[in-house]
C-alpha cells in the first residue's frame, strides 16, 4: 500500500494553517487564488555546511499550482499577496515529497516590495 502524501500529510496542514493568496505571474497573466503557508517571518535557507540565512517565503502545493496551469519557474519576478501584504517572488525552491516533486511543495522565496518605488 502506498501513501498519498498530498492527501494524508499536506492537505490537512494547508486546510488548518493555509491562507488565501493571490499569485500574479511576471508574464502578466491574470492572478490566481491559491492556498499558501505564510512563512514571511522567515525560513532557514542553507545547510549546516553553508551559512544559513533567514528569508521570507511562502509554501505552496505543486499540484495546486499545476491545477492553475502554473509552474514555479514561471513565477520568478511575479508577486504573491498573502495576509494583506504583497511580495515579489525572488526564486522557487522545491520541497519534493517522498513521492516526487509533483506531489510536494515549493517554497517561494520572497522580497519585500518597496512601497515608495
PDB file of N, CA and C in Angstrom:
ATOM      1  N   UNK A   1       0.842  -1.176   0.000  1.00  0.00           N
ATOM      2  CA  UNK A   1       0.000   0.000   0.000  1.00  0.00           C
ATOM      3  C   UNK A   1       0.893   1.248   0.000  1.00  0.00           C
ATOM      4  N   UNK A   2       0.617   2.152  -0.892  1.00  0.00           N
ATOM      5  CA  UNK A   2       1.413   3.383  -0.939  1.00  0.00           C
ATOM      6  C   UNK A   2       0.642   4.522  -0.279  1.00  0.00           C
ATOM      7  N   UNK A   3       1.403   5.463   0.241  1.00  0.00           N
ATOM      8  CA  UNK A   3       0.816   6.617   0.929  1.00  0.00           C
ATOM      9  C   UNK A   3       0.547   7.730  -0.077  1.00  0.00           C
ATOM     10  N   UNK A   4      -0.626   8.318  -0.014  1.00  0.00           N
ATOM     11  CA  UNK A   4      -0.941   9.502  -0.802  1.00  0.00           C
ATOM     12  C   UNK A   4      -0.464  10.698   0.022  1.00  0.00           C
ATOM     13  N   UNK A   5       0.772  11.148  -0.252  1.00  0.00           N
ATOM     14  CA  UNK A   5       1.411  12.180   0.558  1.00  0.00           C
ATOM     15  C   UNK A   5       0.591  13.464   0.616  1.00  0.00           C
ATOM     16  N   UNK A   6       0.034  13.842  -0.504  1.00  0.00           N
ATOM     17  CA  UNK A   6      -0.753  15.085  -0.518  1.00  0.00           C
ATOM     18  C   UNK A   6      -1.989  14.954   0.373  1.00  0.00           C
ATOM     19  N   UNK A   7      -2.748  13.881   0.184  1.00  0.00           N
ATOM     20  CA  UNK A   7      -3.994  13.715   0.931  1.00  0.00           C
ATOM     21  C   UNK A   7      -3.754  13.458   2.419  1.00  0.00           C
ATOM     22  N   UNK A   8      -2.753  12.668   2.725  1.00  0.00           N
ATOM     23  CA  UNK A   8      -2.517  12.272   4.114  1.00  0.00           C
ATOM     24  C   UNK A   8      -1.736  13.311   4.920  1.00  0.00           C
ATOM     25  N   UNK A   9      -0.810  14.008   4.290  1.00  0.00           N
ATOM     26  CA  UNK A   9       0.063  14.910   5.037  1.00  0.00           C
ATOM     27  C   UNK A   9      -0.117  16.385   4.688  1.00  0.00           C
ATOM     28  N   UNK A  10      -0.041  16.715   3.408  1.00  0.00           N
ATOM     29  CA  UNK A  10      -0.073  18.129   3.037  1.00  0.00           C
ATOM     30  C   UNK A  10      -1.460  18.754   3.152  1.00  0.00           C
ATOM     31  N   UNK A  11      -2.478  18.072   2.648  1.00  0.00           N
ATOM     32  CA  UNK A  11      -3.817  18.659   2.644  1.00  0.00           C
ATOM     33  C   UNK A  11      -4.281  19.075   4.045  1.00  0.00           C
ATOM     34  N   UNK A  12      -4.125  18.221   5.080  1.00  0.00           N
ATOM     35  CA  UNK A  12      -4.549  18.665   6.418  1.00  0.00           C
ATOM     36  C   UNK A  12      -3.778  19.891   6.922  1.00  0.00           C
ATOM     37  N   UNK A  13      -2.500  19.982   6.602  1.00  0.00           N
ATOM     38  CA  UNK A  13      -1.705  21.147   7.018  1.00  0.00           C
ATOM     39  C   UNK A  13      -2.228  22.407   6.345  1.00  0.00           C
ATOM     40  N   UNK A  14      -2.467  22.334   5.037  1.00  0.00           N
ATOM     41  CA  UNK A  14      -2.943  23.505   4.299  1.00  0.00           C
ATOM     42  C   UNK A  14      -4.369  23.873   4.695  1.00  0.00           C
ATOM     43  N   UNK A  15      -5.207  22.869   5.030  1.00  0.00           N
ATOM     44  CA  UNK A  15      -6.568  23.162   5.475  1.00  0.00           C
ATOM     45  C   UNK A  15      -6.553  23.891   6.817  1.00  0.00           C
ATOM     46  N   UNK A  16      -5.652  23.522   7.698  1.00  0.00           N
ATOM     47  CA  UNK A  16      -5.599  24.101   9.037  1.00  0.00           C
ATOM     48  C   UNK A  16      -4.818  25.412   9.084  1.00  0.00           C
ATOM     49  N   UNK A  17      -3.670  25.465   8.419  1.00  0.00           N
ATOM     50  CA  UNK A  17      -2.770  26.615   8.536  1.00  0.00           C
ATOM     51  C   UNK A  17      -2.704  27.501   7.289  1.00  0.00           C
ATOM     52  N   UNK A  18      -3.267  27.045   6.195  1.00  0.00           N
ATOM     53  CA  UNK A  18      -3.169  27.783   4.943  1.00  0.00           C
ATOM     54  C   UNK A  18      -3.990  29.067   4.944  1.00  0.00           C
ATOM     55  N   UNK A  19      -3.527  30.021   4.152  1.00  0.00           N
ATOM     56  CA  UNK A  19      -4.242  31.280   3.961  1.00  0.00           C
ATOM     57  C   UNK A  19      -4.463  31.483   2.470  1.00  0.00           C
ATOM     58  N   UNK A  20      -5.504  32.215   2.143  1.00  0.00           N
ATOM     59  CA  UNK A  20      -5.757  32.534   0.739  1.00  0.00           C
ATOM     60  C   UNK A  20      -4.696  33.502   0.254  1.00  0.00           C
ATOM     61  N   UNK A  21      -4.159  33.227  -0.927  1.00  0.00           N
ATOM     62  CA  UNK A  21      -3.135  34.092  -1.513  1.00  0.00           C
ATOM     63  C   UNK A  21      -3.430  34.280  -2.989  1.00  0.00           C
ATOM     64  N   UNK A  22      -3.062  35.444  -3.503  1.00  0.00           N
ATOM     65  CA  UNK A  22      -3.194  35.719  -4.929  1.00  0.00           C
ATOM     66  C   UNK A  22      -1.797  35.770  -5.534  1.00  0.00           C
ATOM     67  N   UNK A  23      -1.623  35.005  -6.606  1.00  0.00           N
ATOM     68  CA  UNK A  23      -0.347  34.993  -7.315  1.00  0.00           C
ATOM     69  C   UNK A  23      -0.551  35.633  -8.666  1.00  0.00           C
ATOM     70  N   UNK A  24       0.317  36.592  -8.992  1.00  0.00           N
ATOM     71  CA  UNK A  24       0.312  37.242 -10.299  1.00  0.00           C
ATOM     72  C   UNK A  24       1.650  36.927 -10.965  1.00  0.00           C
ATOM     73  N   UNK A  25       1.648  36.039 -11.968  1.00  0.00           N
ATOM     74  CA  UNK A  25       2.903  35.722 -12.648  1.00  0.00           C
ATOM     75  C   UNK A  25       3.502  36.956 -13.323  1.00  0.00           C
ATOM     76  N   UNK A  26       4.807  36.962 -13.474  1.00  0.00           N
ATOM     77  CA  UNK A  26       5.504  38.088 -14.105  1.00  0.00           C
ATOM     78  C   UNK A  26       5.081  38.264 -15.556  1.00  0.00           C
ATOM     79  N   UNK A  27       4.549  37.217 -16.176  1.00  0.00           N
ATOM     80  CA  UNK A  27       4.138  37.279 -17.581  1.00  0.00           C
ATOM     81  C   UNK A  27       2.968  38.215 -17.807  1.00  0.00           C
ATOM     82  N   UNK A  28       2.308  38.631 -16.714  1.00  0.00           N
ATOM     83  CA  UNK A  28       1.150  39.498 -16.858  1.00  0.00           C
ATOM     84  C   UNK A  28      -0.156  38.727 -16.936  1.00  0.00           C
ATOM     85  N   UNK A  29      -0.092  37.403 -16.799  1.00  0.00           N
ATOM     86  CA  UNK A  29      -1.315  36.596 -16.775  1.00  0.00           C
ATOM     87  C   UNK A  29      -2.188  37.041 -15.609  1.00  0.00           C
ATOM     88  N   UNK A  30      -3.463  36.734 -15.704  1.00  0.00           N
ATOM     89  CA  UNK A  30      -4.380  37.080 -14.623  1.00  0.00           C
ATOM     90  C   UNK A  30      -3.944  36.411 -13.322  1.00  0.00           C
ATOM     91  N   UNK A  31      -4.103  37.107 -12.195  1.00  0.00           N
ATOM     92  CA  UNK A  31      -3.776  36.497 -10.900  1.00  0.00           C
ATOM     93  C   UNK A  31      -4.676  35.296 -10.618  1.00  0.00           C
ATOM     94  N   UNK A  32      -4.152  34.341  -9.870  1.00  0.00           N
ATOM     95  CA  UNK A  32      -4.934  33.187  -9.446  1.00  0.00           C
ATOM     96  C   UNK A  32      -4.915  33.130  -7.926  1.00  0.00           C
ATOM     97  N   UNK A  33      -5.957  32.535  -7.367  1.00  0.00           N
ATOM     98  CA  UNK A  33      -6.051  32.377  -5.917  1.00  0.00           C
ATOM     99  C   UNK A  33      -5.631  30.965  -5.550  1.00  0.00           C
ATOM    100  N   UNK A  34      -4.733  30.858  -4.588  1.00  0.00           N
ATOM    101  CA  UNK A  34      -4.230  29.579  -4.109  1.00  0.00           C
ATOM    102  C   UNK A  34      -4.238  29.592  -2.579  1.00  0.00           C
ATOM    103  N   UNK A  35      -3.978  28.446  -1.997  1.00  0.00           N
ATOM    104  CA  UNK A  35      -3.802  28.350  -0.551  1.00  0.00           C
ATOM    105  C   UNK A  35      -2.308  28.240  -0.291  1.00  0.00           C
ATOM    106  N   UNK A  36      -1.803  29.090   0.589  1.00  0.00           N
ATOM    107  CA  UNK A  36      -0.365  29.122   0.876  1.00  0.00           C
ATOM    108  C   UNK A  36      -0.131  29.083   2.376  1.00  0.00           C
ATOM    109  N   UNK A  37       1.060  28.661   2.743  1.00  0.00           N
ATOM    110  CA  UNK A  37       1.509  28.791   4.122  1.00  0.00           C
ATOM    111  C   UNK A  37       2.334  30.061   4.191  1.00  0.00           C
ATOM    112  N   UNK A  38       1.938  30.995   5.021  1.00  0.00           N
ATOM    113  CA  UNK A  38       2.636  32.272   5.149  1.00  0.00           C
ATOM    114  C   UNK A  38       3.867  32.076   6.032  1.00  0.00           C
ATOM    115  N   UNK A  39       5.014  32.050   5.397  1.00  0.00           N
ATOM    116  CA  UNK A  39       6.287  31.894   6.099  1.00  0.00           C
ATOM    117  C   UNK A  39       7.113  33.168   5.968  1.00  0.00           C
ATOM    118  N   UNK A  40       6.401  34.300   5.822  1.00  0.00           N
ATOM    119  CA  UNK A  40       7.094  35.565   5.579  1.00  0.00           C
ATOM    120  C   UNK A  40       7.897  36.039   6.789  1.00  0.00           C
ATOM    121  N   UNK A  41       7.673  35.452   7.953  1.00  0.00           N
ATOM    122  CA  UNK A  41       8.515  35.777   9.107  1.00  0.00           C
ATOM    123  C   UNK A  41       9.923  35.220   8.904  1.00  0.00           C
ATOM    124  N   UNK A  42      10.052  34.279   7.986  1.00  0.00           N
ATOM    125  CA  UNK A  42      11.367  33.760   7.617  1.00  0.00           C
ATOM    126  C   UNK A  42      11.504  32.272   7.808  1.00  0.00           C
ATOM    127  N   UNK A  43      12.202  31.640   6.881  1.00  0.00           N
ATOM    128  CA  UNK A  43      12.575  30.232   6.971  1.00  0.00           C
ATOM    129  C   UNK A  43      14.082  30.152   6.825  1.00  0.00           C
ATOM    130  N   UNK A  44      14.666  29.121   7.398  1.00  0.00           N
ATOM    131  CA  UNK A  44      16.108  28.937   7.292  1.00  0.00           C
ATOM    132  C   UNK A  44      16.429  28.359   5.930  1.00  0.00           C
ATOM    133  N   UNK A  45      17.295  29.040   5.214  1.00  0.00           N
ATOM    134  CA  UNK A  45      17.755  28.595   3.911  1.00  0.00           C
ATOM    135  C   UNK A  45      19.238  28.283   4.041  1.00  0.00           C
ATOM    136  N   UNK A  46      19.656  27.156   3.527  1.00  0.00           N
ATOM    137  CA  UNK A  46      21.061  26.756   3.606  1.00  0.00           C
ATOM    138  C   UNK A  46      21.193  25.526   4.472  1.00  0.00           C
ATOM    139  N   UNK A  47      22.353  24.941   4.438  1.00  0.00           N
ATOM    140  CA  UNK A  47      22.601  23.725   5.202  1.00  0.00           C
ATOM    141  C   UNK A  47      23.640  23.996   6.281  1.00  0.00           C
ATOM    142  N   UNK A  48      23.973  22.966   7.006  1.00  0.00           N
ATOM    143  CA  UNK A  48      24.986  23.109   8.062  1.00  0.00           C
ATOM    144  C   UNK A  48      26.347  23.473   7.477  1.00  0.00           C
ATOM    145  N   UNK A  49      26.579  23.119   6.240  1.00  0.00           N
ATOM    146  CA  UNK A  49      27.855  23.421   5.595  1.00  0.00           C
ATOM    147  C   UNK A  49      27.907  24.893   5.177  1.00  0.00           C
ATOM    148  N   UNK A  50      26.757  25.416   4.741  1.00  0.00           N
ATOM    149  CA  UNK A  50      26.672  26.813   4.337  1.00  0.00           C
ATOM    150  C   UNK A  50      26.309  27.658   5.558  1.00  0.00           C
ATOM    151  N   UNK A  51      26.370  28.947   5.406  1.00  0.00           N
ATOM    152  CA  UNK A  51      25.890  29.829   6.460  1.00  0.00           C
ATOM    153  C   UNK A  51      24.392  29.998   6.231  1.00  0.00           C
ATOM    154  N   UNK A  52      23.565  29.438   7.137  1.00  0.00           N
ATOM    155  CA  UNK A  52      22.130  29.554   6.920  1.00  0.00           C
ATOM    156  C   UNK A  52      21.651  30.992   7.114  1.00  0.00           C
ATOM    157  N   UNK A  53      20.652  31.365   6.358  1.00  0.00           N
ATOM    158  CA  UNK A  53      20.060  32.693   6.475  1.00  0.00           C
ATOM    159  C   UNK A  53      18.560  32.546   6.678  1.00  0.00           C
ATOM    160  N   UNK A  54      17.941  33.559   7.215  1.00  0.00           N
ATOM    161  CA  UNK A  54      16.512  33.584   7.423  1.00  0.00           C
ATOM    162  C   UNK A  54      15.901  34.457   6.338  1.00  0.00           C
ATOM    163  N   UNK A  55      15.009  33.871   5.536  1.00  0.00           N
ATOM    164  CA  UNK A  55      14.415  34.599   4.419  1.00  0.00           C
ATOM    165  C   UNK A  55      12.901  34.439   4.437  1.00  0.00           C
ATOM    166  N   UNK A  56      12.171  35.507   4.047  1.00  0.00           N
ATOM    167  CA  UNK A  56      10.717  35.378   3.946  1.00  0.00           C
ATOM    168  C   UNK A  56      10.358  34.434   2.797  1.00  0.00           C
ATOM    169  N   UNK A  57       9.311  33.647   3.010  1.00  0.00           N
ATOM    170  CA  UNK A  57       8.911  32.674   1.998  1.00  0.00           C
ATOM    171  C   UNK A  57       7.419  32.395   2.121  1.00  0.00           C
ATOM    172  N   UNK A  58       6.906  31.708   1.130  1.00  0.00           N
ATOM    173  CA  UNK A  58       5.555  31.157   1.159  1.00  0.00           C
ATOM    174  C   UNK A  58       5.661  29.749   0.602  1.00  0.00           C
ATOM    175  N   UNK A  59       4.920  28.819   1.176  1.00  0.00           N
ATOM    176  CA  UNK A  59       4.917  27.440   0.691  1.00  0.00           C
ATOM    177  C   UNK A  59       3.594  27.180  -0.016  1.00  0.00           C
ATOM    178  N   UNK A  60       3.687  26.503  -1.153  1.00  0.00           N
ATOM    179  CA  UNK A  60       2.502  26.140  -1.916  1.00  0.00           C
ATOM    180  C   UNK A  60       2.627  24.694  -2.362  1.00  0.00           C
ATOM    181  N   UNK A  61       1.492  24.057  -2.559  1.00  0.00           N
ATOM    182  CA  UNK A  61       1.500  22.695  -3.102  1.00  0.00           C
ATOM    183  C   UNK A  61       1.711  22.770  -4.614  1.00  0.00           C
ATOM    184  N   UNK A  62       2.629  21.964  -5.105  1.00  0.00           N
ATOM    185  CA  UNK A  62       2.935  21.932  -6.540  1.00  0.00           C
ATOM    186  C   UNK A  62       1.684  21.542  -7.329  1.00  0.00           C
ATOM    187  N   UNK A  63       0.917  20.596  -6.815  1.00  0.00           N
ATOM    188  CA  UNK A  63      -0.289  20.156  -7.524  1.00  0.00           C
ATOM    189  C   UNK A  63      -1.308  21.271  -7.670  1.00  0.00           C
ATOM    190  N   UNK A  64      -1.429  22.137  -6.664  1.00  0.00           N
ATOM    191  CA  UNK A  64      -2.375  23.250  -6.769  1.00  0.00           C
ATOM    192  C   UNK A  64      -1.915  24.244  -7.823  1.00  0.00           C
ATOM    193  N   UNK A  65      -0.608  24.535  -7.849  1.00  0.00           N
ATOM    194  CA  UNK A  65      -0.084  25.407  -8.908  1.00  0.00           C
ATOM    195  C   UNK A  65      -0.369  24.808 -10.282  1.00  0.00           C
ATOM    196  N   UNK A  66      -0.069  23.517 -10.429  1.00  0.00           N
ATOM    197  CA  UNK A  66      -0.288  22.845 -11.713  1.00  0.00           C
ATOM    198  C   UNK A  66      -1.754  22.890 -12.111  1.00  0.00           C
ATOM    199  N   UNK A  67      -2.657  22.803 -11.125  1.00  0.00           N
ATOM    200  CA  UNK A  67      -4.086  22.898 -11.409  1.00  0.00           C
ATOM    201  C   UNK A  67      -4.489  24.233 -12.017  1.00  0.00           C
ATOM    202  N   UNK A  68      -3.668  25.257 -11.790  1.00  0.00           N
ATOM    203  CA  UNK A  68      -3.901  26.584 -12.380  1.00  0.00           C
ATOM    204  C   UNK A  68      -3.042  26.781 -13.633  1.00  0.00           C
ATOM    205  N   UNK A  69      -2.379  25.727 -14.062  1.00  0.00           N
ATOM    206  CA  UNK A  69      -1.532  25.819 -15.259  1.00  0.00           C
ATOM    207  C   UNK A  69      -0.223  26.544 -15.016  1.00  0.00           C
ATOM    208  N   UNK A  70       0.247  26.585 -13.773  1.00  0.00           N
ATOM    209  CA  UNK A  70       1.477  27.301 -13.438  1.00  0.00           C
ATOM    210  C   UNK A  70       2.573  26.341 -13.002  1.00  0.00           C
ATOM    211  N   UNK A  71       3.805  26.734 -13.280  1.00  0.00           N
ATOM    212  CA  UNK A  71       4.960  26.047 -12.719  1.00  0.00           C
ATOM    213  C   UNK A  71       5.779  27.101 -11.978  1.00  0.00           C
ATOM    214  N   UNK A  72       6.480  26.665 -10.955  1.00  0.00           N
ATOM    215  CA  UNK A  72       7.177  27.599 -10.073  1.00  0.00           C
ATOM    216  C   UNK A  72       8.150  28.510 -10.821  1.00  0.00           C
ATOM    217  N   UNK A  73       8.861  27.993 -11.785  1.00  0.00           N
ATOM    218  CA  UNK A  73       9.855  28.794 -12.508  1.00  0.00           C
ATOM    219  C   UNK A  73       9.218  29.993 -13.212  1.00  0.00           C
ATOM    220  N   UNK A  74       7.945  29.893 -13.577  1.00  0.00           N
ATOM    221  CA  UNK A  74       7.244  30.997 -14.252  1.00  0.00           C
ATOM    222  C   UNK A  74       6.860  32.124 -13.291  1.00  0.00           C
ATOM    223  N   UNK A  75       7.008  31.887 -11.997  1.00  0.00           N
ATOM    224  CA  UNK A  75       6.582  32.875 -11.018  1.00  0.00           C
ATOM    225  C   UNK A  75       7.671  33.856 -10.617  1.00  0.00           C
ATOM    226  N   UNK A  76       8.908  33.588 -11.027  1.00  0.00           N
ATOM    227  CA  UNK A  76      10.017  34.487 -10.697  1.00  0.00           C
ATOM    228  C   UNK A  76       9.700  35.893 -11.210  1.00  0.00           C
ATOM    229  N   UNK A  77       9.869  36.886 -10.352  1.00  0.00           N
ATOM    230  CA  UNK A  77       9.573  38.294 -10.601  1.00  0.00           C
ATOM    231  C   UNK A  77       8.077  38.606 -10.618  1.00  0.00           C
ATOM    232  N   UNK A  78       7.250  37.614 -10.335  1.00  0.00           N
ATOM    233  CA  UNK A  78       5.823  37.853 -10.156  1.00  0.00           C
ATOM    234  C   UNK A  78       5.580  38.316  -8.726  1.00  0.00           C
ATOM    235  N   UNK A  79       4.322  38.356  -8.328  1.00  0.00           N
ATOM    236  CA  UNK A  79       4.005  38.764  -6.963  1.00  0.00           C
ATOM    237  C   UNK A  79       3.063  37.758  -6.318  1.00  0.00           C
ATOM    238  N   UNK A  80       3.107  37.730  -5.007  1.00  0.00           N
ATOM    239  CA  UNK A  80       2.142  36.972  -4.218  1.00  0.00           C
ATOM    240  C   UNK A  80       1.663  37.899  -3.103  1.00  0.00           C
ATOM    241  N   UNK A  81       0.359  37.908  -2.899  1.00  0.00           N
ATOM    242  CA  UNK A  81      -0.224  38.705  -1.827  1.00  0.00           C
ATOM    243  C   UNK A  81      -0.865  37.746  -0.843  1.00  0.00           C
ATOM    244  N   UNK A  82      -0.390  37.797   0.410  1.00  0.00           N
ATOM    245  CA  UNK A  82      -0.975  36.973   1.443  1.00  0.00           C
ATOM    246  C   UNK A  82      -1.033  37.745   2.746  1.00  0.00           C
ATOM    247  N   UNK A  83      -2.112  37.539   3.463  1.00  0.00           N
ATOM    248  CA  UNK A  83      -2.359  38.262   4.714  1.00  0.00           C
ATOM    249  C   UNK A  83      -2.216  39.770   4.552  1.00  0.00           C
ATOM    250  N   UNK A  84      -2.661  40.275   3.394  1.00  0.00           N
ATOM    251  CA  UNK A  84      -2.688  41.710   3.159  1.00  0.00           C
ATOM    252  C   UNK A  84      -1.378  42.338   2.725  1.00  0.00           C
ATOM    253  N   UNK A  85      -0.344  41.545   2.542  1.00  0.00           N
ATOM    254  CA  UNK A  85       0.956  42.081   2.144  1.00  0.00           C
ATOM    255  C   UNK A  85       1.373  41.502   0.800  1.00  0.00           C
ATOM    256  N   UNK A  86       1.827  42.367  -0.102  1.00  0.00           N
ATOM    257  CA  UNK A  86       2.309  41.930  -1.416  1.00  0.00           C
ATOM    258  C   UNK A  86       3.821  41.755  -1.364  1.00  0.00           C
ATOM    259  N   UNK A  87       4.291  40.684  -1.969  1.00  0.00           N
ATOM    260  CA  UNK A  87       5.713  40.354  -2.023  1.00  0.00           C
ATOM    261  C   UNK A  87       6.120  40.059  -3.460  1.00  0.00           C
ATOM    262  N   UNK A  88       7.343  40.385  -3.804  1.00  0.00           N
ATOM    263  CA  UNK A  88       7.913  39.978  -5.083  1.00  0.00           C
ATOM    264  C   UNK A  88       8.468  38.565  -4.907  1.00  0.00           C
ATOM    265  N   UNK A  89       8.217  37.709  -5.885  1.00  0.00           N
ATOM    266  CA  UNK A  89       8.731  36.340  -5.852  1.00  0.00           C
ATOM    267  C   UNK A  89      10.133  36.357  -6.444  1.00  0.00           C
ATOM    268  N   UNK A  90      11.111  36.042  -5.603  1.00  0.00           N
ATOM    269  CA  UNK A  90      12.514  36.099  -5.992  1.00  0.00           C
ATOM    270  C   UNK A  90      12.993  34.800  -6.634  1.00  0.00           C
ATOM    271  N   UNK A  91      12.603  33.665  -6.061  1.00  0.00           N
ATOM    272  CA  UNK A  91      13.071  32.373  -6.565  1.00  0.00           C
ATOM    273  C   UNK A  91      12.219  31.255  -5.970  1.00  0.00           C
ATOM    274  N   UNK A  92      12.070  30.151  -6.710  1.00  0.00           N
ATOM    275  CA  UNK A  92      11.406  28.977  -6.143  1.00  0.00           C
ATOM    276  C   UNK A  92      12.451  28.010  -5.584  1.00  0.00           C
ATOM    277  N   UNK A  93      12.072  27.263  -4.561  1.00  0.00           N
ATOM    278  CA  UNK A  93      12.921  26.213  -4.003  1.00  0.00           C
ATOM    279  C   UNK A  93      12.041  24.982  -3.801  1.00  0.00           C
ATOM    280  N   UNK A  94      12.246  23.938  -4.596  1.00  0.00           N
ATOM    281  CA  UNK A  94      11.379  22.761  -4.490  1.00  0.00           C
ATOM    282  C   UNK A  94      11.542  22.035  -3.155  1.00  0.00           C
ATOM    283  N   UNK A  95      10.429  21.506  -2.657  1.00  0.00           N
ATOM    284  CA  UNK A  95      10.404  20.659  -1.464  1.00  0.00           C
ATOM    285  C   UNK A  95       9.645  19.387  -1.844  1.00  0.00           C
ATOM    286  N   UNK A  96      10.329  18.478  -2.557  1.00  0.00           N
ATOM    287  CA  UNK A  96       9.622  17.272  -3.009  1.00  0.00           C
ATOM    288  C   UNK A  96       9.201  16.392  -1.838  1.00  0.00           C
ATOM    289  N   UNK A  97       8.147  15.629  -2.061  1.00  0.00           N
ATOM    290  CA  UNK A  97       7.734  14.631  -1.078  1.00  0.00           C
ATOM    291  C   UNK A  97       8.448  13.329  -1.440  1.00  0.00           C
ATOM    292  N   UNK A  98       8.340  12.306  -0.607  1.00  0.00           N
ATOM    293  CA  UNK A  98       8.926  11.012  -0.988  1.00  0.00           C
ATOM    294  C   UNK A  98       8.316  10.449  -2.272  1.00  0.00           C
ATOM    295  N   UNK A  99       7.143  10.944  -2.658  1.00  0.00           N
ATOM    296  CA  UNK A  99       6.503  10.504  -3.893  1.00  0.00           C
ATOM    297  C   UNK A  99       6.948  11.331  -5.099  1.00  0.00           C
ATOM    298  N   UNK A 100       7.843  12.294  -4.903  1.00  0.00           N
ATOM    299  CA  UNK A 100       8.362  13.096  -6.009  1.00  0.00           C
ATOM    300  C   UNK A 100       7.997  14.558  -5.910  1.00  0.00           C
ATOM    301  N   UNK A 101       8.573  15.330  -6.818  1.00  0.00           N
ATOM    302  CA  UNK A 101       8.391  16.778  -6.801  1.00  0.00           C
ATOM    303  C   UNK A 101       6.943  17.189  -7.049  1.00  0.00           C
ATOM    304  N   UNK A 102       6.254  16.497  -7.955  1.00  0.00           N
ATOM    305  CA  UNK A 102       4.874  16.856  -8.294  1.00  0.00           C
ATOM    306  C   UNK A 102       3.917  16.650  -7.126  1.00  0.00           C
ATOM    307  N   UNK A 103       4.281  15.799  -6.173  1.00  0.00           N
ATOM    308  CA  UNK A 103       3.423  15.541  -5.014  1.00  0.00           C
ATOM    309  C   UNK A 103       3.872  16.340  -3.792  1.00  0.00           C
ATOM    310  N   UNK A 104       4.813  17.252  -3.984  1.00  0.00           N
ATOM    311  CA  UNK A 104       5.358  18.004  -2.865  1.00  0.00           C
ATOM    312  C   UNK A 104       4.949  19.456  -2.864  1.00  0.00           C
ATOM    313  N   UNK A 105       5.856  20.254  -2.319  1.00  0.00           N
ATOM    314  CA  UNK A 105       5.619  21.685  -2.182  1.00  0.00           C
ATOM    315  C   UNK A 105       6.738  22.451  -2.884  1.00  0.00           C
ATOM    316  N   UNK A 106       6.506  23.737  -3.011  1.00  0.00           N
ATOM    317  CA  UNK A 106       7.551  24.644  -3.468  1.00  0.00           C
ATOM    318  C   UNK A 106       7.575  25.822  -2.499  1.00  0.00           C
ATOM    319  N   UNK A 107       8.770  26.179  -2.078  1.00  0.00           N
ATOM    320  CA  UNK A 107       8.946  27.396  -1.292  1.00  0.00           C
ATOM    321  C   UNK A 107       9.183  28.525  -2.275  1.00  0.00           C
ATOM    322  N   UNK A 108       8.415  29.575  -2.173  1.00  0.00           N
ATOM    323  CA  UNK A 108       8.675  30.770  -2.968  1.00  0.00           C
ATOM    324  C   UNK A 108       9.441  31.723  -2.064  1.00  0.00           C
ATOM    325  N   UNK A 109      10.673  32.023  -2.427  1.00  0.00           N
ATOM    326  CA  UNK A 109      11.489  32.952  -1.654  1.00  0.00           C
ATOM    327  C   UNK A 109      11.062  34.358  -2.041  1.00  0.00           C
ATOM    328  N   UNK A 110      10.798  35.176  -1.045  1.00  0.00           N
ATOM    329  CA  UNK A 110      10.149  36.467  -1.271  1.00  0.00           C
ATOM    330  C   UNK A 110      11.066  37.639  -0.956  1.00  0.00           C
ATOM    331  N   UNK A 111      10.695  38.763  -1.535  1.00  0.00           N
ATOM    332  CA  UNK A 111      11.395  40.023  -1.306  1.00  0.00           C
ATOM    333  C   UNK A 111      10.336  41.089  -1.075  1.00  0.00           C
ATOM    334  N   UNK A 112      10.541  41.911  -0.075  1.00  0.00           N
ATOM    335  CA  UNK A 112       9.574  42.972   0.208  1.00  0.00           C
ATOM    336  C   UNK A 112       9.484  43.922  -0.990  1.00  0.00           C
ATOM    337  N   UNK A 113       8.278  44.366  -1.258  1.00  0.00           N
ATOM    338  CA  UNK A 113       8.075  45.342  -2.332  1.00  0.00           C
ATOM    339  C   UNK A 113       8.173  46.726  -1.692  1.00  0.00           C
ATOM    340  N   UNK A 114       9.063  47.526  -2.177  1.00  0.00           N
ATOM    341  CA  UNK A 114       9.280  48.859  -1.633  1.00  0.00           C
ATOM    342  C   UNK A 114       8.080  49.729  -1.964  1.00  0.00           C
ATOM    343  N   UNK A 115       7.372  50.153  -0.955  1.00  0.00           N
ATOM    344  CA  UNK A 115       6.148  50.945  -1.138  1.00  0.00           C
ATOM    345  C   UNK A 115       6.428  52.299  -1.768  1.00  0.00           C
ATOM    346  N   UNK A 116       7.643  52.821  -1.653  1.00  0.00           N
ATOM    347  CA  UNK A 116       7.947  54.134  -2.221  1.00  0.00           C
ATOM    348  C   UNK A 116       8.435  54.050  -3.663  1.00  0.00           C
ATOM    349  N   UNK A 117       8.589  52.840  -4.188  1.00  0.00           N
ATOM    350  CA  UNK A 117       9.086  52.703  -5.566  1.00  0.00           C
ATOM    351  C   UNK A 117       7.997  52.908  -6.572  1.00  0.00           C
TER     352      UNK A 117
END
